[in-house]
């Protein structure tokens, strides 16, 4: 994942970006949003209504929600979280034993390594 924000200089209206919404208790949490507007001063407005400074930091927040360039790794993290959420809320949740859940998670981790 590119840590410097040089890629933000190339950003255009309509591009998609990842928003890092991680917290101290939950790491690697991202959501995707589309660039709606870039002002002459470089402020970035996204389709979800949030606004960011030219350096990718969210305006008006005391905590950091930086913009990230979408990478295959970020897309995989989002997909993995969506799948795990689906597993957790699946209507068969009560039918899965702890052992089976551990097996599913282990299988998922092995897939992620490939």
N, C-alpha and C. Protein backbone atom coordinates (compact mmCIF):
# COMPACT_ATOMS: atom_id res chain seq x y z
N UNK A 1 0.84 -1.16 0.00
CA UNK A 1 0.00 0.00 0.00
C UNK A 1 0.89 1.23 0.00
N UNK A 2 0.61 2.15 -0.90
CA UNK A 2 1.42 3.35 -1.02
C UNK A 2 1.12 4.29 0.14
N UNK A 3 2.13 4.58 0.97
CA UNK A 3 1.94 5.39 2.18
C UNK A 3 2.03 6.88 1.89
N UNK A 4 2.82 7.28 0.91
CA UNK A 4 2.88 8.69 0.60
C UNK A 4 1.62 9.06 -0.18
N UNK A 5 1.35 10.32 -0.27
CA UNK A 5 0.09 10.74 -0.87
C UNK A 5 0.27 11.42 -2.22
N UNK A 6 1.33 11.07 -2.92
CA UNK A 6 1.56 11.61 -4.25
C UNK A 6 0.43 11.25 -5.21
N UNK A 7 -0.15 10.08 -5.01
CA UNK A 7 -1.22 9.63 -5.89
C UNK A 7 -2.44 10.55 -5.83
N UNK A 8 -2.61 11.29 -4.73
CA UNK A 8 -3.75 12.20 -4.59
C UNK A 8 -3.69 13.34 -5.60
N UNK A 9 -2.49 13.70 -6.03
CA UNK A 9 -2.33 14.77 -7.02
C UNK A 9 -2.92 14.37 -8.37
N UNK A 10 -3.01 13.08 -8.63
CA UNK A 10 -3.53 12.56 -9.90
C UNK A 10 -5.03 12.27 -9.83
N UNK A 11 -5.64 12.44 -8.66
CA UNK A 11 -7.05 12.11 -8.45
C UNK A 11 -7.95 12.98 -9.31
N UNK A 12 -9.01 12.37 -9.86
CA UNK A 12 -9.97 13.07 -10.71
C UNK A 12 -11.38 12.78 -10.22
N UNK A 13 -12.31 13.66 -10.58
CA UNK A 13 -13.71 13.44 -10.27
C UNK A 13 -14.13 12.11 -10.91
N UNK A 14 -14.84 11.29 -10.14
CA UNK A 14 -15.29 9.98 -10.62
C UNK A 14 -14.40 8.84 -10.17
N UNK A 15 -13.18 9.15 -9.75
CA UNK A 15 -12.28 8.10 -9.25
C UNK A 15 -12.82 7.56 -7.93
N UNK A 16 -12.50 6.31 -7.64
CA UNK A 16 -12.85 5.71 -6.36
C UNK A 16 -11.63 5.68 -5.47
N UNK A 17 -11.88 5.90 -4.17
CA UNK A 17 -10.81 5.87 -3.18
C UNK A 17 -11.26 5.00 -2.01
N UNK A 18 -10.31 4.53 -1.26
CA UNK A 18 -10.61 3.78 -0.03
C UNK A 18 -10.47 4.74 1.14
N UNK A 19 -11.42 4.66 2.06
CA UNK A 19 -11.36 5.46 3.28
C UNK A 19 -10.97 4.51 4.41
N UNK A 20 -9.88 4.84 5.09
CA UNK A 20 -9.41 4.02 6.20
C UNK A 20 -10.20 4.41 7.44
N UNK A 21 -11.17 3.55 7.83
CA UNK A 21 -12.00 3.83 9.00
C UNK A 21 -11.62 2.93 10.17
N UNK A 22 -10.37 2.53 10.19
CA UNK A 22 -9.86 1.69 11.29
C UNK A 22 -9.93 2.45 12.60
N UNK A 23 -9.92 1.70 13.68
CA UNK A 23 -9.92 2.30 15.01
C UNK A 23 -8.90 1.55 15.87
N UNK A 24 -8.79 1.95 17.12
CA UNK A 24 -7.82 1.29 17.99
C UNK A 24 -8.21 -0.16 18.25
N UNK A 25 -9.48 -0.48 18.21
CA UNK A 25 -9.92 -1.85 18.48
C UNK A 25 -10.23 -2.64 17.21
N UNK A 26 -10.19 -2.00 16.05
CA UNK A 26 -10.48 -2.70 14.80
C UNK A 26 -9.55 -2.16 13.71
N UNK A 27 -8.61 -2.99 13.31
CA UNK A 27 -7.63 -2.58 12.30
C UNK A 27 -8.07 -3.02 10.91
N UNK A 28 -7.51 -2.36 9.90
CA UNK A 28 -7.76 -2.70 8.50
C UNK A 28 -9.24 -2.71 8.15
N UNK A 29 -9.90 -1.57 8.39
CA UNK A 29 -11.30 -1.42 8.01
C UNK A 29 -11.36 -0.30 6.99
N UNK A 30 -11.89 -0.62 5.83
CA UNK A 30 -11.96 0.34 4.73
C UNK A 30 -13.35 0.36 4.13
N UNK A 31 -13.71 1.51 3.54
CA UNK A 31 -14.90 1.57 2.72
C UNK A 31 -14.52 2.34 1.45
N UNK A 32 -15.25 2.08 0.40
CA UNK A 32 -14.97 2.70 -0.89
C UNK A 32 -15.95 3.84 -1.12
N UNK A 33 -15.46 4.95 -1.65
CA UNK A 33 -16.30 6.09 -2.00
C UNK A 33 -15.78 6.72 -3.28
N UNK A 34 -16.65 7.44 -3.96
CA UNK A 34 -16.30 8.06 -5.24
C UNK A 34 -16.03 9.56 -5.04
N UNK A 35 -15.06 10.08 -5.78
CA UNK A 35 -14.73 11.51 -5.73
C UNK A 35 -15.82 12.26 -6.50
N UNK A 36 -16.46 13.20 -5.80
CA UNK A 36 -17.52 14.00 -6.41
C UNK A 36 -17.01 15.34 -6.91
N UNK A 37 -16.06 15.91 -6.17
CA UNK A 37 -15.57 17.24 -6.52
C UNK A 37 -14.19 17.45 -5.94
N UNK A 38 -13.36 18.18 -6.68
CA UNK A 38 -12.06 18.63 -6.17
C UNK A 38 -12.02 20.14 -6.38
N UNK A 39 -11.86 20.87 -5.27
CA UNK A 39 -11.88 22.33 -5.35
C UNK A 39 -10.54 22.84 -5.89
N UNK A 40 -10.50 24.11 -6.31
CA UNK A 40 -9.23 24.69 -6.77
C UNK A 40 -8.13 24.64 -5.70
N UNK A 41 -8.51 24.64 -4.41
CA UNK A 41 -7.51 24.57 -3.34
C UNK A 41 -7.09 23.13 -3.05
N UNK A 42 -7.72 22.17 -3.72
CA UNK A 42 -7.34 20.77 -3.57
C UNK A 42 -8.20 19.96 -2.61
N UNK A 43 -9.21 20.59 -2.01
CA UNK A 43 -10.12 19.83 -1.13
C UNK A 43 -10.88 18.80 -1.96
N UNK A 44 -11.06 17.64 -1.35
CA UNK A 44 -11.69 16.52 -2.04
C UNK A 44 -13.02 16.22 -1.37
N UNK A 45 -14.11 16.28 -2.15
CA UNK A 45 -15.43 15.94 -1.63
C UNK A 45 -15.84 14.59 -2.20
N UNK A 46 -16.28 13.69 -1.32
CA UNK A 46 -16.65 12.34 -1.74
C UNK A 46 -18.16 12.19 -1.81
N UNK A 47 -18.60 11.12 -2.46
CA UNK A 47 -20.03 10.87 -2.66
C UNK A 47 -20.77 10.63 -1.35
N UNK A 48 -20.06 10.27 -0.29
CA UNK A 48 -20.73 10.07 1.01
C UNK A 48 -20.85 11.38 1.80
N UNK A 49 -20.42 12.50 1.19
CA UNK A 49 -20.52 13.81 1.83
C UNK A 49 -19.30 14.23 2.61
N UNK A 50 -18.37 13.33 2.84
CA UNK A 50 -17.17 13.68 3.60
C UNK A 50 -16.21 14.50 2.73
N UNK A 51 -15.38 15.30 3.41
CA UNK A 51 -14.42 16.14 2.71
C UNK A 51 -13.03 15.92 3.29
N UNK A 52 -12.05 16.03 2.41
CA UNK A 52 -10.67 15.74 2.77
C UNK A 52 -9.74 16.85 2.32
N UNK A 53 -8.69 17.03 3.08
CA UNK A 53 -7.64 17.99 2.72
C UNK A 53 -6.85 17.42 1.54
N UNK A 54 -6.07 18.25 0.87
CA UNK A 54 -5.25 17.76 -0.25
C UNK A 54 -4.28 16.64 0.13
N UNK A 55 -3.94 16.55 1.43
CA UNK A 55 -3.02 15.50 1.88
C UNK A 55 -3.75 14.21 2.25
N UNK A 56 -5.09 14.17 2.07
CA UNK A 56 -5.85 12.95 2.32
C UNK A 56 -6.41 12.82 3.72
N UNK A 57 -6.26 13.83 4.56
CA UNK A 57 -6.81 13.79 5.92
C UNK A 57 -8.22 14.35 5.92
N UNK A 58 -9.11 13.73 6.69
CA UNK A 58 -10.50 14.14 6.75
C UNK A 58 -10.65 15.49 7.45
N UNK A 59 -11.49 16.34 6.89
CA UNK A 59 -11.74 17.66 7.46
C UNK A 59 -12.81 17.54 8.55
N UNK A 60 -12.54 18.15 9.70
CA UNK A 60 -13.52 18.21 10.76
C UNK A 60 -13.58 16.99 11.67
N UNK A 61 -12.57 16.17 11.65
CA UNK A 61 -12.53 14.99 12.50
C UNK A 61 -11.33 15.08 13.43
N UNK A 62 -11.53 14.66 14.67
CA UNK A 62 -10.41 14.67 15.62
C UNK A 62 -9.56 13.41 15.47
N UNK A 63 -10.12 12.39 14.84
CA UNK A 63 -9.35 11.17 14.60
C UNK A 63 -9.07 11.05 13.11
N UNK A 64 -8.17 10.22 12.78
CA UNK A 64 -7.72 10.12 11.40
C UNK A 64 -8.57 9.14 10.59
N UNK A 65 -9.03 9.57 9.45
CA UNK A 65 -9.73 8.71 8.48
C UNK A 65 -9.11 8.99 7.12
N UNK A 66 -7.84 8.66 6.95
CA UNK A 66 -7.17 9.06 5.72
C UNK A 66 -7.67 8.31 4.49
N UNK A 67 -7.53 8.99 3.36
CA UNK A 67 -7.82 8.35 2.09
C UNK A 67 -6.67 7.44 1.72
N UNK A 68 -6.99 6.33 1.10
CA UNK A 68 -5.98 5.39 0.63
C UNK A 68 -6.25 5.07 -0.84
N UNK A 69 -5.19 4.84 -1.53
CA UNK A 69 -5.32 4.40 -2.91
C UNK A 69 -5.85 2.96 -2.89
N UNK A 70 -6.82 2.68 -3.75
CA UNK A 70 -7.38 1.33 -3.79
C UNK A 70 -6.32 0.38 -4.37
N UNK A 71 -6.06 -0.68 -3.63
CA UNK A 71 -5.09 -1.69 -4.05
C UNK A 71 -5.78 -3.05 -3.99
N UNK A 72 -5.19 -4.06 -4.64
CA UNK A 72 -5.75 -5.41 -4.52
C UNK A 72 -5.84 -5.86 -3.05
N UNK A 73 -4.88 -5.46 -2.23
CA UNK A 73 -4.88 -5.84 -0.82
C UNK A 73 -6.08 -5.24 -0.09
N UNK A 74 -6.37 -3.97 -0.35
CA UNK A 74 -7.51 -3.33 0.29
C UNK A 74 -8.81 -3.97 -0.17
N UNK A 75 -8.93 -4.26 -1.46
CA UNK A 75 -10.14 -4.92 -1.96
C UNK A 75 -10.32 -6.30 -1.32
N UNK A 76 -9.22 -7.01 -1.10
CA UNK A 76 -9.29 -8.32 -0.45
C UNK A 76 -9.72 -8.19 1.01
N UNK A 77 -9.20 -7.18 1.70
CA UNK A 77 -9.58 -6.94 3.09
C UNK A 77 -11.08 -6.65 3.19
N UNK A 78 -11.59 -5.83 2.28
CA UNK A 78 -13.02 -5.49 2.27
C UNK A 78 -13.84 -6.75 2.00
N UNK A 79 -13.44 -7.53 1.02
CA UNK A 79 -14.17 -8.76 0.69
C UNK A 79 -14.15 -9.73 1.88
N UNK A 80 -13.00 -9.87 2.51
CA UNK A 80 -12.89 -10.78 3.65
C UNK A 80 -13.82 -10.35 4.79
N UNK A 81 -13.84 -9.05 5.09
CA UNK A 81 -14.72 -8.56 6.15
C UNK A 81 -16.20 -8.78 5.80
N UNK A 82 -16.54 -8.57 4.53
CA UNK A 82 -17.92 -8.79 4.10
C UNK A 82 -18.31 -10.25 4.25
N UNK A 83 -17.41 -11.15 3.87
CA UNK A 83 -17.69 -12.58 4.00
C UNK A 83 -17.82 -12.99 5.47
N UNK A 84 -16.93 -12.47 6.30
CA UNK A 84 -16.99 -12.81 7.72
C UNK A 84 -18.27 -12.27 8.35
N UNK A 85 -18.68 -11.09 7.93
CA UNK A 85 -19.92 -10.52 8.44
C UNK A 85 -21.10 -11.37 8.02
N UNK A 86 -21.07 -11.82 6.77
CA UNK A 86 -22.15 -12.67 6.27
C UNK A 86 -22.19 -13.98 7.05
N UNK A 87 -21.02 -14.55 7.34
CA UNK A 87 -20.98 -15.77 8.14
C UNK A 87 -21.57 -15.53 9.52
N UNK A 88 -21.21 -14.41 10.11
CA UNK A 88 -21.64 -14.11 11.47
C UNK A 88 -23.15 -13.94 11.55
N UNK A 89 -23.75 -13.34 10.53
CA UNK A 89 -25.18 -13.06 10.58
C UNK A 89 -26.01 -14.05 9.78
N UNK A 90 -25.37 -15.06 9.30
CA UNK A 90 -26.06 -16.07 8.51
C UNK A 90 -27.17 -16.72 9.33
N UNK A 91 -28.25 -17.06 8.67
CA UNK A 91 -29.38 -17.66 9.40
C UNK A 91 -29.03 -19.01 10.01
N UNK A 92 -27.91 -19.60 9.57
CA UNK A 92 -27.48 -20.88 10.11
C UNK A 92 -26.47 -20.73 11.24
N UNK A 93 -26.28 -19.51 11.69
CA UNK A 93 -25.29 -19.23 12.72
C UNK A 93 -25.42 -20.17 13.92
N UNK A 94 -26.63 -20.37 14.39
CA UNK A 94 -26.85 -21.22 15.55
C UNK A 94 -26.54 -22.68 15.31
N UNK A 95 -26.51 -23.09 14.04
CA UNK A 95 -26.26 -24.49 13.71
C UNK A 95 -24.77 -24.82 13.60
N UNK A 96 -23.94 -23.78 13.51
CA UNK A 96 -22.50 -24.01 13.37
C UNK A 96 -21.86 -24.09 14.75
N UNK A 97 -21.13 -25.14 14.97
CA UNK A 97 -20.42 -25.28 16.24
C UNK A 97 -19.18 -24.39 16.21
N UNK A 98 -18.61 -24.17 17.37
CA UNK A 98 -17.38 -23.39 17.48
C UNK A 98 -16.29 -24.05 16.65
N UNK A 99 -16.21 -25.36 16.70
CA UNK A 99 -15.18 -26.08 15.95
C UNK A 99 -15.34 -25.85 14.44
N UNK A 100 -16.56 -25.89 13.96
CA UNK A 100 -16.79 -25.66 12.52
C UNK A 100 -16.46 -24.23 12.13
N UNK A 101 -16.78 -23.27 13.00
CA UNK A 101 -16.42 -21.89 12.72
C UNK A 101 -14.91 -21.73 12.65
N UNK A 102 -14.19 -22.38 13.56
CA UNK A 102 -12.72 -22.33 13.54
C UNK A 102 -12.18 -22.93 12.25
N UNK A 103 -12.79 -24.02 11.80
CA UNK A 103 -12.36 -24.65 10.54
C UNK A 103 -12.60 -23.71 9.36
N UNK A 104 -13.75 -23.03 9.34
CA UNK A 104 -14.05 -22.09 8.27
C UNK A 104 -13.06 -20.93 8.25
N UNK A 105 -12.75 -20.40 9.44
CA UNK A 105 -11.80 -19.30 9.51
C UNK A 105 -10.40 -19.74 9.10
N UNK A 106 -10.01 -20.94 9.49
CA UNK A 106 -8.70 -21.47 9.10
C UNK A 106 -8.65 -21.65 7.59
N UNK A 107 -9.70 -22.16 7.01
CA UNK A 107 -9.77 -22.35 5.56
C UNK A 107 -9.68 -20.99 4.86
N UNK A 108 -10.37 -20.00 5.40
CA UNK A 108 -10.34 -18.67 4.82
C UNK A 108 -8.93 -18.07 4.89
N UNK A 109 -8.24 -18.25 6.00
CA UNK A 109 -6.89 -17.73 6.15
C UNK A 109 -5.94 -18.42 5.16
N UNK A 110 -6.12 -19.70 4.95
CA UNK A 110 -5.28 -20.43 3.97
C UNK A 110 -5.54 -19.90 2.56
N UNK A 111 -6.79 -19.61 2.24
CA UNK A 111 -7.11 -19.03 0.93
C UNK A 111 -6.47 -17.66 0.76
N UNK A 112 -6.47 -16.88 1.83
CA UNK A 112 -5.91 -15.54 1.76
C UNK A 112 -4.41 -15.55 1.52
N UNK A 113 -3.72 -16.61 1.93
CA UNK A 113 -2.27 -16.73 1.75
C UNK A 113 -1.90 -17.02 0.31
N UNK A 114 -2.85 -17.57 -0.46
CA UNK A 114 -2.57 -17.96 -1.84
C UNK A 114 -2.55 -16.79 -2.77
